[in-house]
Amino acid sequence: MGVGFGSQNIANNFISGLILLIEQPVQVGHYIEVDGDRGEVTKIGARATQIAEYTGARYIIPNSKLLENTVTNWHLPEPTIRSVVSVGVAYGSPIVQVRELLLEIIRGDKRIIQHAENVVLFTEFGDSALTFEMHYWHKLESQTKRRSQESNIRFAIDKAFAEAGIVIAFPQRDVHLNTPDRPLEIRMVEPKTSRTDQPKT
């Protein structure tokens, strides 16, 4: 019985491999995600398919799993994807100018598909920031180039905001002390001077 079940799994994966080769929903070089595993397809074998993760790890996935589970393929119908880069600016910033600066960065990047629907959205009044998101389309050449492009866009944001005097927000907390019965006493104390700081006589 064990041999029978084992042979059934092998036959299932073999037939699934033939279907993958004929229908080609997944091809070598495609970037896919299946059941939480994501990476670039490097080999489609008779029994299993290999995908390479960004870190270099290799996943060996039975071919039947590619047919029985939902597979996300970023290369179909074309190798173009939409990426999102977010940034938060301090309250009181000129939000119209922020939007225009981000749009200029999108227009100035040659790797972004300019005729696509690229937008800048004002997404949230956050606890410490006004949050904006840049949504743009580009070709998916590799995960390394995708991350490099996102990094370059963040460099461009930092430069443009610095030149315009716009502050990129950071976490802040306002503390309010409610002591109506026992008012707080506040005193300014001068720092103590060490012996070496005392004037010489």
N, C-alpha and C. Protein backbone atom coordinates (compact mmCIF):
# COMPACT_ATOMS: atom_id res chain seq x y z
N MET A 1 0.83 -1.21 0.00
CA MET A 1 0.00 0.00 0.00
C MET A 1 0.86 1.27 0.00
N GLY A 2 1.95 1.23 0.81
CA GLY A 2 2.85 2.38 0.85
C GLY A 2 3.47 2.65 -0.50
N VAL A 3 3.91 1.58 -1.18
CA VAL A 3 4.49 1.75 -2.51
C VAL A 3 3.46 2.31 -3.47
N GLY A 4 2.21 1.85 -3.31
CA GLY A 4 1.14 2.32 -4.19
C GLY A 4 0.87 3.80 -4.02
N PHE A 5 0.78 4.23 -2.76
CA PHE A 5 0.55 5.66 -2.51
C PHE A 5 1.73 6.50 -2.99
N GLY A 6 2.95 5.99 -2.76
CA GLY A 6 4.13 6.73 -3.21
C GLY A 6 4.16 6.85 -4.73
N SER A 7 3.82 5.77 -5.42
CA SER A 7 3.79 5.81 -6.88
C SER A 7 2.72 6.76 -7.38
N GLN A 8 1.61 6.82 -6.66
CA GLN A 8 0.54 7.73 -7.05
C GLN A 8 0.99 9.18 -6.98
N ASN A 9 1.74 9.55 -5.92
CA ASN A 9 2.25 10.91 -5.79
C ASN A 9 3.25 11.24 -6.90
N ILE A 10 4.13 10.28 -7.20
CA ILE A 10 5.11 10.50 -8.26
C ILE A 10 4.42 10.69 -9.61
N ALA A 11 3.41 9.84 -9.87
CA ALA A 11 2.68 9.96 -11.14
C ALA A 11 1.94 11.29 -11.20
N ASN A 12 1.37 11.72 -10.06
CA ASN A 12 0.64 12.99 -10.02
C ASN A 12 1.57 14.16 -10.34
N ASN A 13 2.76 14.16 -9.73
CA ASN A 13 3.71 15.23 -9.98
C ASN A 13 4.24 15.19 -11.42
N PHE A 14 4.41 13.99 -11.95
CA PHE A 14 4.91 13.84 -13.32
C PHE A 14 3.90 14.38 -14.33
N ILE A 15 2.64 14.02 -14.13
CA ILE A 15 1.58 14.51 -15.02
C ILE A 15 1.43 16.03 -14.88
N SER A 16 1.55 16.52 -13.65
CA SER A 16 1.47 17.96 -13.42
C SER A 16 2.61 18.68 -14.13
N GLY A 17 3.80 18.06 -14.15
CA GLY A 17 4.93 18.64 -14.85
C GLY A 17 4.67 18.74 -16.35
N LEU A 18 4.03 17.71 -16.91
CA LEU A 18 3.69 17.75 -18.34
C LEU A 18 2.70 18.87 -18.63
N ILE A 19 1.72 19.04 -17.75
CA ILE A 19 0.73 20.11 -17.93
C ILE A 19 1.41 21.47 -17.86
N LEU A 20 2.35 21.64 -16.93
CA LEU A 20 3.07 22.91 -16.81
C LEU A 20 3.87 23.21 -18.07
N LEU A 21 4.48 22.18 -18.66
CA LEU A 21 5.28 22.38 -19.86
C LEU A 21 4.41 22.67 -21.08
N ILE A 22 3.19 22.11 -21.09
CA ILE A 22 2.31 22.31 -22.24
C ILE A 22 1.59 23.65 -22.14
N GLU A 23 0.95 23.91 -21.01
CA GLU A 23 0.18 25.14 -20.84
C GLU A 23 1.06 26.35 -20.51
N GLN A 24 2.18 26.13 -19.88
CA GLN A 24 3.16 27.15 -19.52
C GLN A 24 2.56 28.31 -18.71
N PRO A 25 1.81 28.00 -17.65
CA PRO A 25 1.36 29.08 -16.76
C PRO A 25 2.52 29.64 -15.94
N VAL A 26 3.57 28.81 -15.83
CA VAL A 26 4.79 29.21 -15.13
C VAL A 26 5.97 28.83 -16.01
N GLN A 27 6.90 29.76 -16.21
CA GLN A 27 8.06 29.51 -17.04
C GLN A 27 9.33 29.89 -16.30
N VAL A 28 10.44 29.38 -16.78
CA VAL A 28 11.74 29.72 -16.20
C VAL A 28 11.98 31.22 -16.37
N GLY A 29 12.36 31.87 -15.28
CA GLY A 29 12.57 33.31 -15.29
C GLY A 29 11.41 34.09 -14.72
N HIS A 30 10.25 33.45 -14.55
CA HIS A 30 9.10 34.12 -13.96
C HIS A 30 9.28 34.26 -12.45
N TYR A 31 8.75 35.35 -11.91
CA TYR A 31 8.76 35.55 -10.46
C TYR A 31 7.38 35.19 -9.94
N ILE A 32 7.32 34.19 -9.05
CA ILE A 32 6.04 33.66 -8.60
C ILE A 32 5.99 33.56 -7.08
N GLU A 33 4.79 33.37 -6.58
CA GLU A 33 4.57 33.09 -5.17
C GLU A 33 3.53 31.99 -5.06
N VAL A 34 3.83 30.97 -4.26
CA VAL A 34 2.90 29.87 -4.06
C VAL A 34 2.99 29.41 -2.61
N ASP A 35 1.87 29.43 -1.94
CA ASP A 35 1.78 28.95 -0.56
C ASP A 35 2.81 29.61 0.36
N GLY A 36 3.03 30.92 0.18
CA GLY A 36 3.96 31.64 1.03
C GLY A 36 5.39 31.66 0.56
N ASP A 37 5.75 30.80 -0.38
CA ASP A 37 7.11 30.77 -0.94
C ASP A 37 7.14 31.62 -2.21
N ARG A 38 8.14 32.50 -2.31
CA ARG A 38 8.23 33.35 -3.49
C ARG A 38 9.66 33.39 -3.99
N GLY A 39 9.79 33.54 -5.30
CA GLY A 39 11.11 33.62 -5.90
C GLY A 39 11.03 33.46 -7.40
N GLU A 40 12.21 33.42 -8.02
CA GLU A 40 12.30 33.29 -9.48
C GLU A 40 12.41 31.82 -9.87
N VAL A 41 11.62 31.41 -10.85
CA VAL A 41 11.65 30.02 -11.32
C VAL A 41 12.97 29.78 -12.05
N THR A 42 13.72 28.80 -11.58
CA THR A 42 15.02 28.50 -12.21
C THR A 42 15.00 27.18 -12.98
N LYS A 43 14.07 26.29 -12.64
CA LYS A 43 14.03 24.99 -13.33
C LYS A 43 12.66 24.35 -13.14
N ILE A 44 12.13 23.81 -14.22
CA ILE A 44 10.88 23.03 -14.17
C ILE A 44 11.23 21.61 -14.56
N GLY A 45 11.26 20.71 -13.58
CA GLY A 45 11.62 19.33 -13.82
C GLY A 45 10.42 18.44 -14.01
N ALA A 46 10.68 17.15 -14.16
CA ALA A 46 9.60 16.20 -14.36
C ALA A 46 8.78 16.01 -13.10
N ARG A 47 9.40 16.16 -11.92
CA ARG A 47 8.69 15.93 -10.66
C ARG A 47 8.46 17.21 -9.88
N ALA A 48 9.42 18.16 -9.94
CA ALA A 48 9.33 19.35 -9.10
C ALA A 48 9.87 20.56 -9.84
N THR A 49 9.54 21.72 -9.32
CA THR A 49 9.99 22.99 -9.87
C THR A 49 10.83 23.70 -8.81
N GLN A 50 11.93 24.31 -9.24
CA GLN A 50 12.81 25.02 -8.33
C GLN A 50 12.62 26.52 -8.49
N ILE A 51 12.54 27.23 -7.36
CA ILE A 51 12.50 28.69 -7.39
C ILE A 51 13.58 29.22 -6.45
N ALA A 52 14.20 30.32 -6.85
CA ALA A 52 15.28 30.92 -6.07
C ALA A 52 14.75 32.16 -5.36
N GLU A 53 14.89 32.21 -4.03
CA GLU A 53 14.46 33.34 -3.24
C GLU A 53 15.47 34.47 -3.37
N TYR A 54 15.06 35.69 -2.93
CA TYR A 54 15.93 36.86 -3.00
C TYR A 54 17.23 36.64 -2.24
N THR A 55 17.17 35.93 -1.10
CA THR A 55 18.35 35.70 -0.28
C THR A 55 19.28 34.64 -0.86
N GLY A 56 18.83 33.95 -1.92
CA GLY A 56 19.64 32.90 -2.51
C GLY A 56 19.16 31.50 -2.17
N ALA A 57 18.22 31.39 -1.22
CA ALA A 57 17.68 30.07 -0.86
C ALA A 57 16.89 29.49 -2.03
N ARG A 58 16.93 28.18 -2.15
CA ARG A 58 16.22 27.49 -3.23
C ARG A 58 15.07 26.67 -2.64
N TYR A 59 13.90 26.81 -3.26
CA TYR A 59 12.74 26.01 -2.87
C TYR A 59 12.47 24.98 -3.96
N ILE A 60 12.25 23.76 -3.54
CA ILE A 60 11.87 22.69 -4.47
C ILE A 60 10.40 22.38 -4.22
N ILE A 61 9.56 22.72 -5.18
CA ILE A 61 8.11 22.62 -5.02
C ILE A 61 7.58 21.53 -5.93
N PRO A 62 6.84 20.55 -5.39
CA PRO A 62 6.23 19.52 -6.26
C PRO A 62 5.35 20.16 -7.32
N ASN A 63 5.40 19.63 -8.53
CA ASN A 63 4.64 20.22 -9.63
C ASN A 63 3.14 20.23 -9.36
N SER A 64 2.64 19.23 -8.66
CA SER A 64 1.21 19.18 -8.38
C SER A 64 0.78 20.36 -7.51
N LYS A 65 1.68 20.86 -6.69
CA LYS A 65 1.36 21.99 -5.83
C LYS A 65 1.12 23.25 -6.64
N LEU A 66 1.79 23.38 -7.78
CA LEU A 66 1.62 24.54 -8.64
C LEU A 66 0.28 24.53 -9.36
N LEU A 67 -0.32 23.37 -9.48
CA LEU A 67 -1.63 23.27 -10.13
C LEU A 67 -2.78 23.25 -9.13
N GLU A 68 -2.53 22.75 -7.93
CA GLU A 68 -3.60 22.61 -6.95
C GLU A 68 -3.76 23.85 -6.07
N ASN A 69 -2.73 24.72 -6.02
CA ASN A 69 -2.77 25.91 -5.18
C ASN A 69 -2.82 27.17 -6.03
N THR A 70 -3.20 28.26 -5.39
CA THR A 70 -3.20 29.56 -6.07
C THR A 70 -1.76 30.04 -6.25
N VAL A 71 -1.40 30.36 -7.47
CA VAL A 71 -0.05 30.82 -7.79
C VAL A 71 -0.13 32.28 -8.26
N THR A 72 0.66 33.13 -7.64
CA THR A 72 0.77 34.52 -8.08
C THR A 72 1.97 34.63 -9.01
N ASN A 73 1.72 35.06 -10.25
CA ASN A 73 2.78 35.18 -11.25
C ASN A 73 2.86 36.64 -11.68
N TRP A 74 3.97 37.31 -11.32
CA TRP A 74 4.12 38.73 -11.63
C TRP A 74 4.53 38.97 -13.09
N HIS A 75 4.76 37.92 -13.84
CA HIS A 75 5.17 38.09 -15.23
C HIS A 75 4.02 37.87 -16.21
N LEU A 76 2.82 37.60 -15.73
CA LEU A 76 1.69 37.41 -16.62
C LEU A 76 0.68 38.53 -16.40
N PRO A 77 0.09 39.09 -17.47
CA PRO A 77 0.42 38.81 -18.88
C PRO A 77 1.72 39.46 -19.35
N GLU A 78 2.21 40.48 -18.59
CA GLU A 78 3.46 41.14 -18.92
C GLU A 78 4.28 41.30 -17.64
N PRO A 79 5.61 41.40 -17.78
CA PRO A 79 6.46 41.54 -16.58
C PRO A 79 6.47 42.97 -16.04
N THR A 80 5.28 43.52 -15.77
CA THR A 80 5.17 44.85 -15.19
C THR A 80 4.39 44.77 -13.89
N ILE A 81 4.84 45.50 -12.89
CA ILE A 81 4.18 45.49 -11.59
C ILE A 81 4.06 46.92 -11.07
N ARG A 82 3.22 47.07 -10.06
CA ARG A 82 3.08 48.37 -9.40
C ARG A 82 3.75 48.29 -8.04
N SER A 83 4.65 49.22 -7.78
CA SER A 83 5.32 49.30 -6.49
C SER A 83 4.80 50.51 -5.72
N VAL A 84 4.95 50.47 -4.40
CA VAL A 84 4.48 51.54 -3.54
C VAL A 84 5.61 51.95 -2.61
N VAL A 85 5.91 53.25 -2.58
CA VAL A 85 6.88 53.82 -1.65
C VAL A 85 6.16 54.87 -0.83
N SER A 86 6.23 54.76 0.48
CA SER A 86 5.52 55.69 1.36
C SER A 86 6.51 56.58 2.10
N VAL A 87 6.03 57.78 2.47
CA VAL A 87 6.85 58.72 3.22
C VAL A 87 5.92 59.58 4.06
N GLY A 88 6.37 59.92 5.26
CA GLY A 88 5.59 60.77 6.15
C GLY A 88 6.26 62.10 6.37
N VAL A 89 5.50 63.18 6.30
CA VAL A 89 6.04 64.52 6.53
C VAL A 89 5.40 65.10 7.79
N ALA A 90 6.09 66.08 8.36
CA ALA A 90 5.63 66.66 9.62
C ALA A 90 4.34 67.45 9.41
N TYR A 91 3.53 67.51 10.46
CA TYR A 91 2.32 68.32 10.42
C TYR A 91 2.69 69.78 10.18
N GLY A 92 1.90 70.46 9.36
CA GLY A 92 2.19 71.83 8.99
C GLY A 92 2.97 71.95 7.70
N SER A 93 3.38 70.82 7.10
CA SER A 93 4.10 70.86 5.84
C SER A 93 3.16 71.27 4.70
N PRO A 94 3.69 71.90 3.66
CA PRO A 94 2.86 72.28 2.51
C PRO A 94 2.52 71.04 1.67
N ILE A 95 1.35 70.47 1.93
CA ILE A 95 1.02 69.16 1.34
C ILE A 95 0.90 69.22 -0.18
N VAL A 96 0.46 70.35 -0.72
CA VAL A 96 0.37 70.46 -2.19
C VAL A 96 1.77 70.40 -2.80
N GLN A 97 2.72 71.08 -2.17
CA GLN A 97 4.10 71.05 -2.65
C GLN A 97 4.70 69.66 -2.49
N VAL A 98 4.37 68.98 -1.39
CA VAL A 98 4.86 67.61 -1.18
C VAL A 98 4.40 66.71 -2.32
N ARG A 99 3.13 66.81 -2.66
CA ARG A 99 2.58 66.00 -3.76
C ARG A 99 3.29 66.30 -5.07
N GLU A 100 3.53 67.57 -5.38
CA GLU A 100 4.18 67.93 -6.63
C GLU A 100 5.63 67.44 -6.67
N LEU A 101 6.33 67.50 -5.56
CA LEU A 101 7.71 67.01 -5.52
C LEU A 101 7.76 65.51 -5.77
N LEU A 102 6.83 64.78 -5.19
CA LEU A 102 6.80 63.33 -5.39
C LEU A 102 6.45 62.99 -6.83
N LEU A 103 5.54 63.75 -7.43
CA LEU A 103 5.20 63.52 -8.84
C LEU A 103 6.39 63.82 -9.74
N GLU A 104 7.16 64.84 -9.41
CA GLU A 104 8.35 65.16 -10.20
C GLU A 104 9.38 64.03 -10.13
N ILE A 105 9.49 63.41 -8.97
CA ILE A 105 10.42 62.28 -8.84
C ILE A 105 9.98 61.12 -9.72
N ILE A 106 8.67 60.86 -9.77
CA ILE A 106 8.15 59.80 -10.64
C ILE A 106 8.42 60.14 -12.10
N ARG A 107 8.15 61.38 -12.50
CA ARG A 107 8.35 61.77 -13.91
C ARG A 107 9.82 61.73 -14.31
N GLY A 108 10.71 61.93 -13.35
CA GLY A 108 12.13 61.98 -13.67
C GLY A 108 12.84 60.65 -13.64
N ASP A 109 12.14 59.58 -13.27
CA ASP A 109 12.76 58.25 -13.19
C ASP A 109 12.52 57.51 -14.51
N LYS A 110 13.58 57.23 -15.25
CA LYS A 110 13.45 56.59 -16.57
C LYS A 110 12.97 55.15 -16.48
N ARG A 111 13.14 54.51 -15.33
CA ARG A 111 12.72 53.11 -15.22
C ARG A 111 11.23 52.96 -14.94
N ILE A 112 10.56 54.08 -14.64
CA ILE A 112 9.11 54.04 -14.39
C ILE A 112 8.38 54.22 -15.72
N ILE A 113 7.35 53.40 -15.93
CA ILE A 113 6.56 53.48 -17.15
C ILE A 113 5.67 54.73 -17.07
N GLN A 114 5.99 55.73 -17.88
CA GLN A 114 5.36 57.04 -17.73
C GLN A 114 3.92 57.07 -18.24
N HIS A 115 3.58 56.23 -19.21
CA HIS A 115 2.22 56.27 -19.74
C HIS A 115 1.24 55.45 -18.88
N ALA A 116 1.75 54.83 -17.82
CA ALA A 116 0.88 54.05 -16.93
C ALA A 116 0.22 54.98 -15.91
N GLU A 117 -0.67 54.41 -15.11
CA GLU A 117 -1.39 55.20 -14.10
C GLU A 117 -0.53 55.31 -12.84
N ASN A 118 0.35 56.29 -12.81
CA ASN A 118 1.20 56.56 -11.65
C ASN A 118 0.58 57.70 -10.85
N VAL A 119 0.42 57.50 -9.56
CA VAL A 119 -0.25 58.51 -8.74
C VAL A 119 0.47 58.70 -7.42
N VAL A 120 0.22 59.85 -6.80
CA VAL A 120 0.67 60.14 -5.44
C VAL A 120 -0.58 60.36 -4.60
N LEU A 121 -0.72 59.61 -3.52
CA LEU A 121 -1.91 59.65 -2.69
C LEU A 121 -1.57 60.15 -1.28
N PHE A 122 -2.42 61.02 -0.78
CA PHE A 122 -2.35 61.47 0.62
C PHE A 122 -3.21 60.49 1.40
N THR A 123 -2.56 59.56 2.13
CA THR A 123 -3.27 58.39 2.63
C THR A 123 -3.73 58.47 4.08
N GLU A 124 -3.06 59.28 4.92
CA GLU A 124 -3.40 59.17 6.35
C GLU A 124 -2.93 60.39 7.14
N PHE A 125 -3.78 60.77 8.11
CA PHE A 125 -3.36 61.68 9.17
C PHE A 125 -2.84 60.80 10.31
N GLY A 126 -1.56 60.51 10.32
CA GLY A 126 -1.00 59.60 11.31
C GLY A 126 -0.78 60.26 12.66
N ASP A 127 -0.32 59.47 13.61
CA ASP A 127 -0.05 59.99 14.95
C ASP A 127 1.03 61.07 14.93
N SER A 128 2.04 60.87 14.09
CA SER A 128 3.18 61.80 14.08
C SER A 128 3.50 62.32 12.69
N ALA A 129 2.69 61.95 11.67
CA ALA A 129 3.05 62.33 10.31
C ALA A 129 1.83 62.39 9.41
N LEU A 130 1.99 63.16 8.34
CA LEU A 130 1.05 63.14 7.21
C LEU A 130 1.64 62.18 6.19
N THR A 131 0.95 61.10 5.92
CA THR A 131 1.51 60.01 5.13
C THR A 131 1.11 60.11 3.66
N PHE A 132 2.12 60.00 2.79
CA PHE A 132 1.91 59.99 1.35
C PHE A 132 2.43 58.67 0.78
N GLU A 133 1.81 58.22 -0.31
CA GLU A 133 2.25 57.01 -0.99
C GLU A 133 2.44 57.29 -2.47
N MET A 134 3.55 56.80 -3.02
CA MET A 134 3.83 56.89 -4.45
C MET A 134 3.51 55.53 -5.08
N HIS A 135 2.54 55.48 -5.97
CA HIS A 135 2.17 54.26 -6.67
C HIS A 135 2.63 54.39 -8.13
N TYR A 136 3.52 53.51 -8.55
CA TYR A 136 4.08 53.64 -9.90
C TYR A 136 4.30 52.26 -10.52
N TRP A 137 4.25 52.21 -11.85
CA TRP A 137 4.43 50.97 -12.61
C TRP A 137 5.84 50.91 -13.20
N HIS A 138 6.39 49.71 -13.21
CA HIS A 138 7.71 49.50 -13.80
C HIS A 138 7.87 48.04 -14.18
N LYS A 139 8.88 47.77 -14.98
CA LYS A 139 9.14 46.39 -15.39
C LYS A 139 9.84 45.64 -14.26
N LEU A 140 9.43 44.40 -14.07
CA LEU A 140 10.05 43.56 -13.05
C LEU A 140 11.19 42.77 -13.69
N GLU A 141 12.39 43.30 -13.58
CA GLU A 141 13.56 42.60 -14.12
C GLU A 141 14.09 41.58 -13.12
N SER A 142 14.20 42.00 -11.86
CA SER A 142 14.63 41.11 -10.78
C SER A 142 14.29 41.79 -9.47
N GLN A 143 14.28 41.01 -8.40
CA GLN A 143 13.99 41.57 -7.09
C GLN A 143 15.10 42.52 -6.64
N THR A 144 16.33 42.23 -7.04
CA THR A 144 17.44 43.10 -6.68
C THR A 144 17.26 44.48 -7.31
N LYS A 145 16.92 44.52 -8.60
CA LYS A 145 16.72 45.80 -9.28
C LYS A 145 15.49 46.52 -8.75
N ARG A 146 14.47 45.76 -8.36
CA ARG A 146 13.28 46.39 -7.80
C ARG A 146 13.62 47.09 -6.49
N ARG A 147 14.33 46.41 -5.61
CA ARG A 147 14.72 47.02 -4.33
C ARG A 147 15.67 48.19 -4.54
N SER A 148 16.55 48.07 -5.53
CA SER A 148 17.48 49.15 -5.82
C SER A 148 16.72 50.39 -6.30
N GLN A 149 15.71 50.18 -7.13
CA GLN A 149 14.91 51.30 -7.62
C GLN A 149 14.16 51.99 -6.48
N GLU A 150 13.57 51.21 -5.58
CA GLU A 150 12.87 51.79 -4.44
C GLU A 150 13.85 52.57 -3.55
N SER A 151 15.05 52.06 -3.40
CA SER A 151 16.07 52.76 -2.62
C SER A 151 16.43 54.09 -3.28
N ASN A 152 16.61 54.09 -4.61
CA ASN A 152 16.95 55.32 -5.31
C ASN A 152 15.84 56.36 -5.19
N ILE A 153 14.60 55.91 -5.21
CA ILE A 153 13.48 56.84 -5.06
C ILE A 153 13.50 57.46 -3.66
N ARG A 154 13.83 56.69 -2.65
CA ARG A 154 13.90 57.24 -1.29
C ARG A 154 15.05 58.25 -1.17
N PHE A 155 16.18 57.97 -1.83
CA PHE A 155 17.27 58.95 -1.86
C PHE A 155 16.79 60.25 -2.51
N ALA A 156 16.03 60.12 -3.61
CA ALA A 156 15.54 61.29 -4.31
C ALA A 156 14.55 62.07 -3.44
N ILE A 157 13.72 61.37 -2.70
CA ILE A 157 12.77 62.04 -1.80
C ILE A 157 13.52 62.83 -0.73
N ASP A 158 14.51 62.21 -0.12
CA ASP A 158 15.27 62.87 0.93
C ASP A 158 15.95 64.13 0.39
N LYS A 159 16.53 64.05 -0.81
CA LYS A 159 17.20 65.20 -1.39
C LYS A 159 16.21 66.32 -1.72
N ALA A 160 15.08 65.96 -2.35
CA ALA A 160 14.10 66.97 -2.75
C ALA A 160 13.48 67.66 -1.55
N PHE A 161 13.18 66.90 -0.50
CA PHE A 161 12.58 67.48 0.69
C PHE A 161 13.58 68.38 1.43
N ALA A 162 14.85 67.96 1.46
CA ALA A 162 15.87 68.77 2.13
C ALA A 162 16.04 70.12 1.42
N GLU A 163 16.04 70.09 0.09
CA GLU A 163 16.18 71.33 -0.68
C GLU A 163 14.97 72.24 -0.51
N ALA A 164 13.78 71.64 -0.31
CA ALA A 164 12.57 72.44 -0.17
C ALA A 164 12.27 72.80 1.28
N GLY A 165 13.08 72.31 2.21
CA GLY A 165 12.87 72.60 3.62
C GLY A 165 11.69 71.86 4.23
N ILE A 166 11.35 70.71 3.66
CA ILE A 166 10.25 69.89 4.17
C ILE A 166 10.82 68.82 5.09
N VAL A 167 10.25 68.70 6.27
CA VAL A 167 10.77 67.79 7.29
C VAL A 167 10.09 66.43 7.16
N ILE A 168 10.91 65.38 7.05
CA ILE A 168 10.38 64.02 7.09
C ILE A 168 10.10 63.68 8.55
N ALA A 169 8.88 63.26 8.82
CA ALA A 169 8.43 63.11 10.20
C ALA A 169 9.10 61.94 10.89
N PHE A 170 9.13 62.03 12.21
CA PHE A 170 9.62 60.95 13.06
C PHE A 170 8.67 60.83 14.24
N PRO A 171 8.63 59.68 14.94
CA PRO A 171 7.67 59.50 16.03
C PRO A 171 7.84 60.54 17.14
N GLN A 172 6.72 61.12 17.59
CA GLN A 172 6.74 62.09 18.66
C GLN A 172 5.59 61.79 19.62
N ARG A 173 5.76 62.22 20.85
CA ARG A 173 4.71 62.04 21.86
C ARG A 173 4.59 63.31 22.68
N ASP A 174 3.37 63.81 22.85
CA ASP A 174 3.10 64.94 23.72
C ASP A 174 2.57 64.42 25.05
N VAL A 175 3.19 64.83 26.14
CA VAL A 175 2.81 64.38 27.48
C VAL A 175 2.07 65.51 28.19
N HIS A 176 0.85 65.26 28.65
CA HIS A 176 0.06 66.25 29.38
C HIS A 176 -0.09 65.78 30.83
N LEU A 177 0.32 66.62 31.76
CA LEU A 177 0.24 66.31 33.19
C LEU A 177 -0.97 67.01 33.78
N ASN A 178 -1.89 66.23 34.32
CA ASN A 178 -3.10 66.78 34.92
C ASN A 178 -2.99 66.67 36.44
N THR A 179 -2.60 67.77 37.10
CA THR A 179 -2.43 67.78 38.56
C THR A 179 -3.14 68.99 39.16
N PRO A 180 -4.47 69.00 39.14
CA PRO A 180 -5.19 70.18 39.66
C PRO A 180 -5.06 70.34 41.16
N ASP A 181 -4.93 69.23 41.92
CA ASP A 181 -4.87 69.32 43.38
C ASP A 181 -3.47 69.62 43.88
N ARG A 182 -2.48 69.16 43.17
CA ARG A 182 -1.09 69.35 43.61
C ARG A 182 -0.28 69.93 42.45
N PRO A 183 -0.27 71.24 42.34
CA PRO A 183 0.49 71.86 41.23
C PRO A 183 1.96 71.48 41.29
N LEU A 184 2.54 71.35 40.13
CA LEU A 184 3.95 70.99 40.05
C LEU A 184 4.81 72.23 40.21
N GLU A 185 5.91 72.08 40.92
CA GLU A 185 6.88 73.16 41.10
C GLU A 185 8.02 72.94 40.12
N ILE A 186 8.28 73.92 39.31
CA ILE A 186 9.32 73.84 38.30
C ILE A 186 10.43 74.82 38.66
N ARG A 187 11.66 74.32 38.72
CA ARG A 187 12.81 75.17 39.04
C ARG A 187 13.90 74.96 38.00
N MET A 188 14.55 76.04 37.67
CA MET A 188 15.70 75.98 36.76
C MET A 188 16.97 75.88 37.60
N VAL A 189 17.72 74.83 37.41
CA VAL A 189 18.93 74.58 38.18
C VAL A 189 20.13 74.71 37.26
N GLU A 190 21.08 75.51 37.67
CA GLU A 190 22.30 75.66 36.89
C GLU A 190 23.17 74.42 37.02
N PRO A 191 23.82 74.03 35.94
CA PRO A 191 24.68 72.84 36.02
C PRO A 191 25.87 73.08 36.94
N LYS A 192 26.23 72.07 37.66
CA LYS A 192 27.37 72.17 38.56
C LYS A 192 28.66 72.23 37.76
N THR A 193 29.57 73.08 38.19
CA THR A 193 30.87 73.17 37.52
C THR A 193 31.87 72.29 38.24
N SER A 194 32.64 71.60 37.46
CA SER A 194 33.67 70.75 38.05
C SER A 194 34.85 71.59 38.49
N ARG A 195 35.75 71.01 39.21
CA ARG A 195 36.92 71.72 39.70
C ARG A 195 37.81 72.22 38.57
N THR A 196 37.84 71.46 37.51
CA THR A 196 38.69 71.85 36.38
C THR A 196 38.12 73.04 35.64
N ASP A 197 36.77 73.27 35.79
CA ASP A 197 36.14 74.38 35.10
C ASP A 197 36.20 75.67 35.88
N GLN A 198 36.58 75.62 37.16
CA GLN A 198 36.60 76.81 37.96
C GLN A 198 37.75 77.72 37.55
N PRO A 199 37.48 79.05 37.56
CA PRO A 199 38.56 79.97 37.14
C PRO A 199 39.77 79.91 38.07
N LYS A 200 40.91 80.07 37.47
CA LYS A 200 42.13 80.05 38.24
C LYS A 200 42.36 81.39 38.93
N THR A 201 42.86 81.37 40.13
CA THR A 201 43.16 82.60 40.87
C THR A 201 44.63 82.94 40.77
